[in-house]
Amino acid sequence: MPRPSKYVSRSDLGWGSSPADAADPRSGLVIHYDSVDQGLAGKEHSACLSYWRDTHAFHTGPSRGWVDIGYSFMSCSHGYVIEGRGLRRTQAAQPGGNSSHYSVTLATGPSDPITPEQINAVRALRQWLMEPDTSIAGTVLGHRDFVSTSCPGDRAYALVRDGTFAQPPGPVTEVHDMLGLRIGSTGEAVKLLQLRVTRAGFGDALGESGVDSEYGPATAEAVRLCREYVGSRALPGYGDKMTAHAVDQVEAAVTKRALEGAVGDAGQNAPDDPSRS
């Protein structure tokens, strides 16, 4: 199988061959992210190329001093696979797996969306690397599977765990926008979360600011109350970020509240009981 159709090579970037040590990674593909939001999904593809060149300069500069950019590849928001160290090179991405696995970074931060195009780029990369010429295992892991780290972020790691990245390229049915939100996040995904906690019956916890698209302590408390409502221990801090469990429990709270309302409406609209006449 040829390499992914939307592929940017080192030569396209004006780089020569990677000077990194040779390796023969065969154990799978590891997902990474950037610890800072980049907003690349809302920009032109050229911004992704600029980001990649800047990352190369940072990794090879005085702050890191590496021989090359740290990752094997990047999957951008517009569906391109962009070459880093590329095939058969040791990386500087995940200690304990730099020579056994390939790496791909999504170049997203904690609140950045992961686009369907980006997911399919990872899928196409994985499928290509599994071809006989490279023959990697189909395993997809996250950086945190090697060391204690937030990488690749809760949102991407949930997609690692549920097998989304390990599927063949094709339609992506859903990427949950609320996953990975935390105190300090802003935007439409936060607004969606605030509307969901309001529908679950905890809008009062948002205070005077209400649905303002800003994830602050009031939103965190509303999330915590949702989780408590469906049986979580919901200790202090349980609303500070939207883990996969938090998203699931907020959605469960919305469903529970709707069911309770339906039961109440049914009781109010029930016909009179003749035995009480």
C-alpha atoms as a PDB file:
ATOM      1  CA  MET A   1       0.000   0.000   0.000  1.00  0.00           C
ATOM      2  CA  PRO A   2       1.377   3.455  -0.852  1.00  0.00           C
ATOM      3  CA  ARG A   3       1.878   6.005   1.875  1.00  0.00           C
ATOM      4  CA  PRO A   4      -1.142   8.163   2.855  1.00  0.00           C
ATOM      5  CA  SER A   5      -2.405  10.306  -0.026  1.00  0.00           C
ATOM      6  CA  LYS A   6      -2.156  13.507   2.040  1.00  0.00           C
ATOM      7  CA  TYR A   7       1.494  13.203   3.000  1.00  0.00           C
ATOM      8  CA  VAL A   8       4.109  15.915   3.529  1.00  0.00           C
ATOM      9  CA  SER A   9       7.630  14.517   3.372  1.00  0.00           C
ATOM     10  CA  ARG A  10      10.876  15.855   4.797  1.00  0.00           C
ATOM     11  CA  SER A  11      11.924  16.863   1.303  1.00  0.00           C
ATOM     12  CA  ASP A  12       8.665  18.812   0.926  1.00  0.00           C
ATOM     13  CA  LEU A  13       9.680  20.679   4.087  1.00  0.00           C
ATOM     14  CA  GLY A  14      13.159  21.345   2.753  1.00  0.00           C
ATOM     15  CA  TRP A  15      14.812  18.932   5.187  1.00  0.00           C
ATOM     16  CA  GLY A  16      17.348  16.259   4.381  1.00  0.00           C
ATOM     17  CA  SER A  17      17.337  12.722   5.736  1.00  0.00           C
ATOM     18  CA  SER A  18      16.984  12.405   9.504  1.00  0.00           C
ATOM     19  CA  PRO A  19      20.348  12.171  11.287  1.00  0.00           C
ATOM     20  CA  ALA A  20      18.782  10.120  14.102  1.00  0.00           C
ATOM     21  CA  ASP A  21      20.045   6.604  14.823  1.00  0.00           C
ATOM     22  CA  ALA A  22      18.599   3.778  12.774  1.00  0.00           C
ATOM     23  CA  ALA A  23      15.927   1.566  14.328  1.00  0.00           C
ATOM     24  CA  ASP A  24      13.284  -0.941  13.272  1.00  0.00           C
ATOM     25  CA  PRO A  25      10.137  -0.079  15.285  1.00  0.00           C
ATOM     26  CA  ARG A  26       7.615  -2.914  15.075  1.00  0.00           C
ATOM     27  CA  SER A  27       5.564  -2.776  18.271  1.00  0.00           C
ATOM     28  CA  GLY A  28       2.946  -0.214  17.270  1.00  0.00           C
ATOM     29  CA  LEU A  29       2.107   3.485  17.147  1.00  0.00           C
ATOM     30  CA  VAL A  30       2.104   5.953  20.064  1.00  0.00           C
ATOM     31  CA  ILE A  31      -0.146   9.046  20.171  1.00  0.00           C
ATOM     32  CA  HIS A  32       1.135  12.388  21.511  1.00  0.00           C
ATOM     33  CA  TYR A  33      -0.108  15.971  21.819  1.00  0.00           C
ATOM     34  CA  ASP A  34       1.171  19.440  22.635  1.00  0.00           C
ATOM     35  CA  SER A  35       0.673  20.626  26.208  1.00  0.00           C
ATOM     36  CA  VAL A  36      -0.499  24.055  24.948  1.00  0.00           C
ATOM     37  CA  ASP A  37      -3.536  24.758  22.761  1.00  0.00           C
ATOM     38  CA  GLN A  38      -2.506  25.614  19.201  1.00  0.00           C
ATOM     39  CA  GLY A  39      -5.829  26.417  17.504  1.00  0.00           C
ATOM     40  CA  LEU A  40      -4.666  24.796  14.271  1.00  0.00           C
ATOM     41  CA  ALA A  41      -8.084  23.416  13.361  1.00  0.00           C
ATOM     42  CA  GLY A  42      -9.301  26.967  12.812  1.00  0.00           C
ATOM     43  CA  LYS A  43      -6.337  27.991  10.652  1.00  0.00           C
ATOM     44  CA  GLU A  44      -5.066  27.221   7.165  1.00  0.00           C
ATOM     45  CA  HIS A  45      -2.971  24.096   6.603  1.00  0.00           C
ATOM     46  CA  SER A  46       0.069  26.329   6.169  1.00  0.00           C
ATOM     47  CA  ALA A  47      -0.127  27.066   9.912  1.00  0.00           C
ATOM     48  CA  CYS A  48       0.396  23.354  10.610  1.00  0.00           C
ATOM     49  CA  LEU A  49       3.542  23.370   8.485  1.00  0.00           C
ATOM     50  CA  SER A  50       4.807  26.464  10.312  1.00  0.00           C
ATOM     51  CA  TYR A  51       4.107  24.782  13.642  1.00  0.00           C
ATOM     52  CA  TRP A  52       6.082  21.700  12.523  1.00  0.00           C
ATOM     53  CA  ARG A  53       9.057  23.772  11.410  1.00  0.00           C
ATOM     54  CA  ASP A  54       8.986  25.699  14.700  1.00  0.00           C
ATOM     55  CA  THR A  55       8.865  22.414  16.622  1.00  0.00           C
ATOM     56  CA  HIS A  56      11.871  21.168  14.674  1.00  0.00           C
ATOM     57  CA  ALA A  57      13.771  24.355  15.525  1.00  0.00           C
ATOM     58  CA  PHE A  58      12.840  24.041  19.212  1.00  0.00           C
ATOM     59  CA  HIS A  59      13.802  20.375  19.489  1.00  0.00           C
ATOM     60  CA  THR A  60      17.161  20.874  17.768  1.00  0.00           C
ATOM     61  CA  GLY A  61      17.874  24.182  19.518  1.00  0.00           C
ATOM     62  CA  PRO A  62      19.538  24.884  22.868  1.00  0.00           C
ATOM     63  CA  SER A  63      16.449  24.035  24.946  1.00  0.00           C
ATOM     64  CA  ARG A  64      16.481  20.378  23.834  1.00  0.00           C
ATOM     65  CA  GLY A  65      19.625  19.845  21.804  1.00  0.00           C
ATOM     66  CA  TRP A  66      18.259  16.800  19.983  1.00  0.00           C
ATOM     67  CA  VAL A  67      19.636  15.719  16.613  1.00  0.00           C
ATOM     68  CA  ASP A  68      16.197  16.075  15.006  1.00  0.00           C
ATOM     69  CA  ILE A  69      12.551  16.751  15.736  1.00  0.00           C
ATOM     70  CA  GLY A  70      11.430  14.324  18.422  1.00  0.00           C
ATOM     71  CA  TYR A  71       8.503  12.586  16.691  1.00  0.00           C
ATOM     72  CA  SER A  72       8.231  10.171  13.787  1.00  0.00           C
ATOM     73  CA  PHE A  73       5.195  11.930  12.315  1.00  0.00           C
ATOM     74  CA  MET A  74       2.508  14.532  12.897  1.00  0.00           C
ATOM     75  CA  SER A  75      -1.208  14.187  12.098  1.00  0.00           C
ATOM     76  CA  CYS A  76      -2.646  17.630  11.400  1.00  0.00           C
ATOM     77  CA  SER A  77      -6.202  18.916  11.793  1.00  0.00           C
ATOM     78  CA  HIS A  78      -6.623  19.055   8.013  1.00  0.00           C
ATOM     79  CA  GLY A  79      -5.943  15.353   7.526  1.00  0.00           C
ATOM     80  CA  TYR A  80      -2.281  15.422   6.485  1.00  0.00           C
ATOM     81  CA  VAL A  81       0.454  13.128   7.753  1.00  0.00           C
ATOM     82  CA  ILE A  82       3.609  15.242   8.077  1.00  0.00           C
ATOM     83  CA  GLU A  83       6.937  13.484   8.290  1.00  0.00           C
ATOM     84  CA  GLY A  84       9.216  13.999  11.268  1.00  0.00           C
ATOM     85  CA  ARG A  85      12.057  11.555  11.774  1.00  0.00           C
ATOM     86  CA  GLY A  86      10.120   9.227   9.521  1.00  0.00           C
ATOM     87  CA  LEU A  87      10.673   5.539   8.907  1.00  0.00           C
ATOM     88  CA  ARG A  88      13.271   3.421  10.685  1.00  0.00           C
ATOM     89  CA  ARG A  89      14.595   6.045  13.038  1.00  0.00           C
ATOM     90  CA  THR A  90      14.889   6.143  16.841  1.00  0.00           C
ATOM     91  CA  GLN A  91      12.787   8.952  18.328  1.00  0.00           C
ATOM     92  CA  ALA A  92      12.923  11.152  21.399  1.00  0.00           C
ATOM     93  CA  ALA A  93       9.178  10.905  22.022  1.00  0.00           C
ATOM     94  CA  GLN A  94       8.421   8.230  24.631  1.00  0.00           C
ATOM     95  CA  PRO A  95      11.151   6.879  26.949  1.00  0.00           C
ATOM     96  CA  GLY A  96      11.020   3.102  26.907  1.00  0.00           C
ATOM     97  CA  GLY A  97       9.584   2.963  23.416  1.00  0.00           C
ATOM     98  CA  ASN A  98      11.753   5.201  21.249  1.00  0.00           C
ATOM     99  CA  SER A  99      13.223   2.372  19.209  1.00  0.00           C
ATOM    100  CA  SER A 100      10.346  -0.116  19.432  1.00  0.00           C
ATOM    101  CA  HIS A 101       7.385   2.108  18.438  1.00  0.00           C
ATOM    102  CA  TYR A 102       6.638   4.853  15.971  1.00  0.00           C
ATOM    103  CA  SER A 103       5.209   8.106  17.320  1.00  0.00           C
ATOM    104  CA  VAL A 104       2.658  10.559  15.930  1.00  0.00           C
ATOM    105  CA  THR A 105       1.679  13.839  17.551  1.00  0.00           C
ATOM    106  CA  LEU A 106      -1.706  15.431  16.978  1.00  0.00           C
ATOM    107  CA  ALA A 107      -0.322  18.937  17.671  1.00  0.00           C
ATOM    108  CA  THR A 108      -3.372  19.668  19.827  1.00  0.00           C
ATOM    109  CA  GLY A 109      -3.554  21.068  23.333  1.00  0.00           C
ATOM    110  CA  PRO A 110      -5.934  20.207  26.181  1.00  0.00           C
ATOM    111  CA  SER A 111      -8.885  22.152  24.741  1.00  0.00           C
ATOM    112  CA  ASP A 112      -8.193  21.878  21.014  1.00  0.00           C
ATOM    113  CA  PRO A 113     -10.651  19.778  19.006  1.00  0.00           C
ATOM    114  CA  ILE A 114      -9.492  16.525  17.436  1.00  0.00           C
ATOM    115  CA  THR A 115     -10.976  16.588  13.958  1.00  0.00           C
ATOM    116  CA  PRO A 116     -12.338  13.597  12.025  1.00  0.00           C
ATOM    117  CA  GLU A 117      -9.730  14.359   9.343  1.00  0.00           C
ATOM    118  CA  GLN A 118      -6.998  14.124  11.967  1.00  0.00           C
ATOM    119  CA  ILE A 119      -8.284  10.780  13.211  1.00  0.00           C
ATOM    120  CA  ASN A 120      -8.356   9.408   9.679  1.00  0.00           C
ATOM    121  CA  ALA A 121      -4.803  10.634   9.087  1.00  0.00           C
ATOM    122  CA  VAL A 122      -3.677   8.569  12.088  1.00  0.00           C
ATOM    123  CA  ARG A 123      -5.653   5.595  10.781  1.00  0.00           C
ATOM    124  CA  ALA A 124      -4.073   5.914   7.322  1.00  0.00           C
ATOM    125  CA  LEU A 125      -0.606   6.210   8.869  1.00  0.00           C
ATOM    126  CA  ARG A 126      -1.167   3.115  11.001  1.00  0.00           C
ATOM    127  CA  GLN A 127      -2.464   1.144   8.024  1.00  0.00           C
ATOM    128  CA  TRP A 128       0.564   2.152   5.951  1.00  0.00           C
ATOM    129  CA  LEU A 129       3.009   1.221   8.718  1.00  0.00           C
ATOM    130  CA  MET A 130       1.359  -2.205   9.007  1.00  0.00           C
ATOM    131  CA  GLU A 131       2.191  -3.032   5.381  1.00  0.00           C
ATOM    132  CA  PRO A 132       4.843  -5.762   4.805  1.00  0.00           C
ATOM    133  CA  ASP A 133       7.644  -3.263   4.192  1.00  0.00           C
ATOM    134  CA  THR A 134       7.497  -2.019   7.796  1.00  0.00           C
ATOM    135  CA  SER A 135       5.187  -4.605   9.425  1.00  0.00           C
ATOM    136  CA  ILE A 136       4.395  -2.866  12.696  1.00  0.00           C
ATOM    137  CA  ALA A 137       1.863  -4.363  15.077  1.00  0.00           C
ATOM    138  CA  GLY A 138      -1.560  -2.756  14.967  1.00  0.00           C
ATOM    139  CA  THR A 139      -1.322  -1.690  18.608  1.00  0.00           C
ATOM    140  CA  VAL A 140      -2.057   1.989  19.335  1.00  0.00           C
ATOM    141  CA  LEU A 141      -0.925   3.406  22.681  1.00  0.00           C
ATOM    142  CA  GLY A 142      -0.729   6.796  24.351  1.00  0.00           C
ATOM    143  CA  HIS A 143       2.403   8.477  25.691  1.00  0.00           C
ATOM    144  CA  ARG A 144       1.057   7.985  29.225  1.00  0.00           C
ATOM    145  CA  ASP A 145       1.244   4.229  28.721  1.00  0.00           C
ATOM    146  CA  PHE A 146       5.033   4.582  29.001  1.00  0.00           C
ATOM    147  CA  VAL A 147       5.556   7.288  31.640  1.00  0.00           C
ATOM    148  CA  SER A 148       3.489   9.402  34.036  1.00  0.00           C
ATOM    149  CA  THR A 149       2.319  12.312  31.880  1.00  0.00           C
ATOM    150  CA  SER A 150      -0.832  14.096  30.756  1.00  0.00           C
ATOM    151  CA  CYS A 151       0.088  13.324  27.134  1.00  0.00           C
ATOM    152  CA  PRO A 152      -1.749  12.734  24.827  1.00  0.00           C
ATOM    153  CA  GLY A 153      -4.523  14.485  26.780  1.00  0.00           C
ATOM    154  CA  ASP A 154      -7.753  12.985  28.091  1.00  0.00           C
ATOM    155  CA  ARG A 155      -9.615  13.452  24.839  1.00  0.00           C
ATOM    156  CA  ALA A 156      -7.042  11.717  22.653  1.00  0.00           C
ATOM    157  CA  TYR A 157      -6.362   9.028  25.226  1.00  0.00           C
ATOM    158  CA  ALA A 158     -10.050   8.155  25.331  1.00  0.00           C
ATOM    159  CA  LEU A 159      -9.852   7.612  21.561  1.00  0.00           C
ATOM    160  CA  VAL A 160      -6.803   5.399  22.116  1.00  0.00           C
ATOM    161  CA  ARG A 161      -8.623   3.334  24.715  1.00  0.00           C
ATOM    162  CA  ASP A 162     -11.870   2.903  22.789  1.00  0.00           C
ATOM    163  CA  GLY A 163     -10.077   1.804  19.613  1.00  0.00           C
ATOM    164  CA  THR A 164     -10.994   4.803  17.451  1.00  0.00           C
ATOM    165  CA  PHE A 165      -7.441   5.254  16.149  1.00  0.00           C
ATOM    166  CA  ALA A 166      -7.031   1.518  15.498  1.00  0.00           C
ATOM    167  CA  GLN A 167      -9.764   1.334  12.852  1.00  0.00           C
ATOM    168  CA  PRO A 168      -9.308   1.495   9.066  1.00  0.00           C
ATOM    169  CA  PRO A 169      -9.773   4.942   7.504  1.00  0.00           C
ATOM    170  CA  GLY A 170     -13.443   5.775   7.111  1.00  0.00           C
ATOM    171  CA  PRO A 171     -16.313   7.792   8.554  1.00  0.00           C
ATOM    172  CA  VAL A 172     -15.783   9.117  12.071  1.00  0.00           C
ATOM    173  CA  THR A 173     -19.139   9.044  13.805  1.00  0.00           C
ATOM    174  CA  GLU A 174     -18.336  11.191  16.852  1.00  0.00           C
ATOM    175  CA  VAL A 175     -15.549  13.013  18.605  1.00  0.00           C
ATOM    176  CA  HIS A 176     -16.917  14.228  21.917  1.00  0.00           C
ATOM    177  CA  ASP A 177     -16.188  17.953  22.139  1.00  0.00           C
ATOM    178  CA  MET A 178     -16.527  18.095  25.936  1.00  0.00           C
ATOM    179  CA  LEU A 179     -13.831  15.506  26.599  1.00  0.00           C
ATOM    180  CA  GLY A 180     -10.637  17.159  27.815  1.00  0.00           C
ATOM    181  CA  LEU A 181     -12.190  20.460  28.924  1.00  0.00           C
ATOM    182  CA  ARG A 182     -10.949  21.814  32.245  1.00  0.00           C
ATOM    183  CA  ILE A 183     -10.907  24.950  34.396  1.00  0.00           C
ATOM    184  CA  GLY A 184      -9.591  27.702  32.151  1.00  0.00           C
ATOM    185  CA  SER A 185     -11.099  26.301  28.927  1.00  0.00           C
ATOM    186  CA  THR A 186     -13.311  28.590  26.861  1.00  0.00           C
ATOM    187  CA  GLY A 187     -15.427  28.399  23.738  1.00  0.00           C
ATOM    188  CA  GLU A 188     -18.348  26.555  22.209  1.00  0.00           C
ATOM    189  CA  ALA A 189     -17.458  23.201  23.766  1.00  0.00           C
ATOM    190  CA  VAL A 190     -17.674  24.812  27.226  1.00  0.00           C
ATOM    191  CA  LYS A 191     -21.005  26.364  26.268  1.00  0.00           C
ATOM    192  CA  LEU A 192     -22.263  22.897  25.316  1.00  0.00           C
ATOM    193  CA  LEU A 193     -21.133  21.549  28.681  1.00  0.00           C
ATOM    194  CA  GLN A 194     -22.895  24.370  30.538  1.00  0.00           C
ATOM    195  CA  LEU A 195     -26.087  23.714  28.617  1.00  0.00           C
ATOM    196  CA  ARG A 196     -25.838  20.022  29.494  1.00  0.00           C
ATOM    197  CA  VAL A 197     -25.392  20.631  33.231  1.00  0.00           C
ATOM    198  CA  THR A 198     -28.320  23.067  33.073  1.00  0.00           C
ATOM    199  CA  ARG A 199     -30.467  20.397  31.431  1.00  0.00           C
ATOM    200  CA  ALA A 200     -29.373  18.004  34.157  1.00  0.00           C
ATOM    201  CA  GLY A 201     -30.879  20.404  36.705  1.00  0.00           C
ATOM    202  CA  PHE A 202     -27.766  22.152  38.012  1.00  0.00           C
ATOM    203  CA  GLY A 203     -27.868  25.429  36.127  1.00  0.00           C
ATOM    204  CA  ASP A 204     -28.203  27.372  39.386  1.00  0.00           C
ATOM    205  CA  ALA A 205     -24.653  26.319  40.270  1.00  0.00           C
ATOM    206  CA  LEU A 206     -23.393  28.392  37.326  1.00  0.00           C
ATOM    207  CA  GLY A 207     -24.348  31.547  39.232  1.00  0.00           C
ATOM    208  CA  GLU A 208     -25.071  34.937  37.724  1.00  0.00           C
ATOM    209  CA  SER A 209     -22.736  34.404  34.777  1.00  0.00           C
ATOM    210  CA  GLY A 210     -24.792  31.417  33.643  1.00  0.00           C
ATOM    211  CA  VAL A 211     -23.921  29.960  30.248  1.00  0.00           C
ATOM    212  CA  ASP A 212     -20.941  32.161  29.427  1.00  0.00           C
ATOM    213  CA  SER A 213     -18.634  29.710  27.572  1.00  0.00           C
ATOM    214  CA  GLU A 214     -15.987  29.989  30.312  1.00  0.00           C
ATOM    215  CA  TYR A 215     -15.012  26.989  32.436  1.00  0.00           C
ATOM    216  CA  GLY A 216     -14.521  28.415  35.917  1.00  0.00           C
ATOM    217  CA  PRO A 217     -15.123  27.188  39.479  1.00  0.00           C
ATOM    218  CA  ALA A 218     -18.915  27.536  39.065  1.00  0.00           C
ATOM    219  CA  THR A 219     -18.936  25.244  36.033  1.00  0.00           C
ATOM    220  CA  ALA A 220     -16.662  22.829  37.872  1.00  0.00           C
ATOM    221  CA  GLU A 221     -19.127  22.709  40.770  1.00  0.00           C
ATOM    222  CA  ALA A 222     -22.051  22.095  38.402  1.00  0.00           C
ATOM    223  CA  VAL A 223     -20.124  19.176  36.869  1.00  0.00           C
ATOM    224  CA  ARG A 224     -19.356  17.805  40.326  1.00  0.00           C
ATOM    225  CA  LEU A 225     -23.046  17.997  41.271  1.00  0.00           C
ATOM    226  CA  CYS A 226     -23.996  16.121  38.093  1.00  0.00           C
ATOM    227  CA  ARG A 227     -21.555  13.369  38.969  1.00  0.00           C
ATOM    228  CA  GLU A 228     -22.826  13.190  42.539  1.00  0.00           C
ATOM    229  CA  TYR A 229     -26.403  13.001  41.237  1.00  0.00           C
ATOM    230  CA  VAL A 230     -25.692   9.750  39.378  1.00  0.00           C
ATOM    231  CA  GLY A 231     -23.858   8.081  42.245  1.00  0.00           C
ATOM    232  CA  SER A 232     -20.230   9.188  41.982  1.00  0.00           C
ATOM    233  CA  ARG A 233     -18.366   9.997  45.192  1.00  0.00           C
ATOM    234  CA  ALA A 234     -17.886  13.432  43.596  1.00  0.00           C
ATOM    235  CA  LEU A 235     -15.197  14.622  45.980  1.00  0.00           C
ATOM    236  CA  PRO A 236     -13.866  18.192  45.720  1.00  0.00           C
ATOM    237  CA  GLY A 237     -12.061  18.558  42.416  1.00  0.00           C
ATOM    238  CA  TYR A 238     -14.230  16.029  40.570  1.00  0.00           C
ATOM    239  CA  GLY A 239     -15.570  18.801  38.355  1.00  0.00           C
ATOM    240  CA  ASP A 240     -12.263  20.454  37.536  1.00  0.00           C
ATOM    241  CA  LYS A 241     -11.754  18.621  34.236  1.00  0.00           C
ATOM    242  CA  MET A 242     -13.818  16.552  31.848  1.00  0.00           C
ATOM    243  CA  THR A 243     -12.357  13.060  31.898  1.00  0.00           C
ATOM    244  CA  ALA A 244     -14.105  10.244  30.046  1.00  0.00           C
ATOM    245  CA  HIS A 245     -15.845   9.296  33.313  1.00  0.00           C
ATOM    246  CA  ALA A 246     -16.966  12.897  33.853  1.00  0.00           C
ATOM    247  CA  VAL A 247     -18.438  13.173  30.350  1.00  0.00           C
ATOM    248  CA  ASP A 248     -20.253   9.866  30.789  1.00  0.00           C
ATOM    249  CA  GLN A 249     -21.685  10.919  34.157  1.00  0.00           C
ATOM    250  CA  VAL A 250     -22.820  14.359  32.956  1.00  0.00           C
ATOM    251  CA  GLU A 251     -24.655  12.677  30.086  1.00  0.00           C
ATOM    252  CA  ALA A 252     -26.102  10.133  32.536  1.00  0.00           C
ATOM    253  CA  ALA A 253     -27.314  13.010  34.729  1.00  0.00           C
ATOM    254  CA  VAL A 254     -29.113  14.586  31.761  1.00  0.00           C
ATOM    255  CA  THR A 255     -30.774  11.256  30.967  1.00  0.00           C
ATOM    256  CA  LYS A 256     -31.734  10.621  34.594  1.00  0.00           C
ATOM    257  CA  ARG A 257     -33.294  14.076  34.944  1.00  0.00           C
ATOM    258  CA  ALA A 258     -35.251  13.614  31.721  1.00  0.00           C
ATOM    259  CA  LEU A 259     -36.551  10.233  32.870  1.00  0.00           C
ATOM    260  CA  GLU A 260     -37.602  11.642  36.231  1.00  0.00           C
ATOM    261  CA  GLY A 261     -39.432  14.443  34.451  1.00  0.00           C
ATOM    262  CA  ALA A 262     -41.184  11.970  32.179  1.00  0.00           C
ATOM    263  CA  VAL A 263     -42.355   9.908  35.166  1.00  0.00           C
ATOM    264  CA  GLY A 264     -43.624  13.054  36.875  1.00  0.00           C
ATOM    265  CA  ASP A 265     -45.510  14.164  33.799  1.00  0.00           C
ATOM    266  CA  ALA A 266     -47.043  10.726  33.435  1.00  0.00           C
ATOM    267  CA  GLY A 267     -48.296  10.859  37.021  1.00  0.00           C
ATOM    268  CA  GLN A 268     -49.812  14.311  36.561  1.00  0.00           C
ATOM    269  CA  ASN A 269     -51.568  13.272  33.365  1.00  0.00           C
ATOM    270  CA  ALA A 270     -52.807   9.906  34.613  1.00  0.00           C
ATOM    271  CA  PRO A 271     -56.597   9.380  34.477  1.00  0.00           C
ATOM    272  CA  ASP A 272     -58.584   9.650  37.712  1.00  0.00           C
ATOM    273  CA  ASP A 273     -58.773   6.468  39.768  1.00  0.00           C
ATOM    274  CA  PRO A 274     -62.484   5.431  39.915  1.00  0.00           C
ATOM    275  CA  SER A 275     -61.912   3.762  43.271  1.00  0.00           C
ATOM    276  CA  ARG A 276     -61.284   7.206  44.809  1.00  0.00           C
ATOM    277  CA  SER A 277     -64.628   8.677  43.729  1.00  0.00           C
END
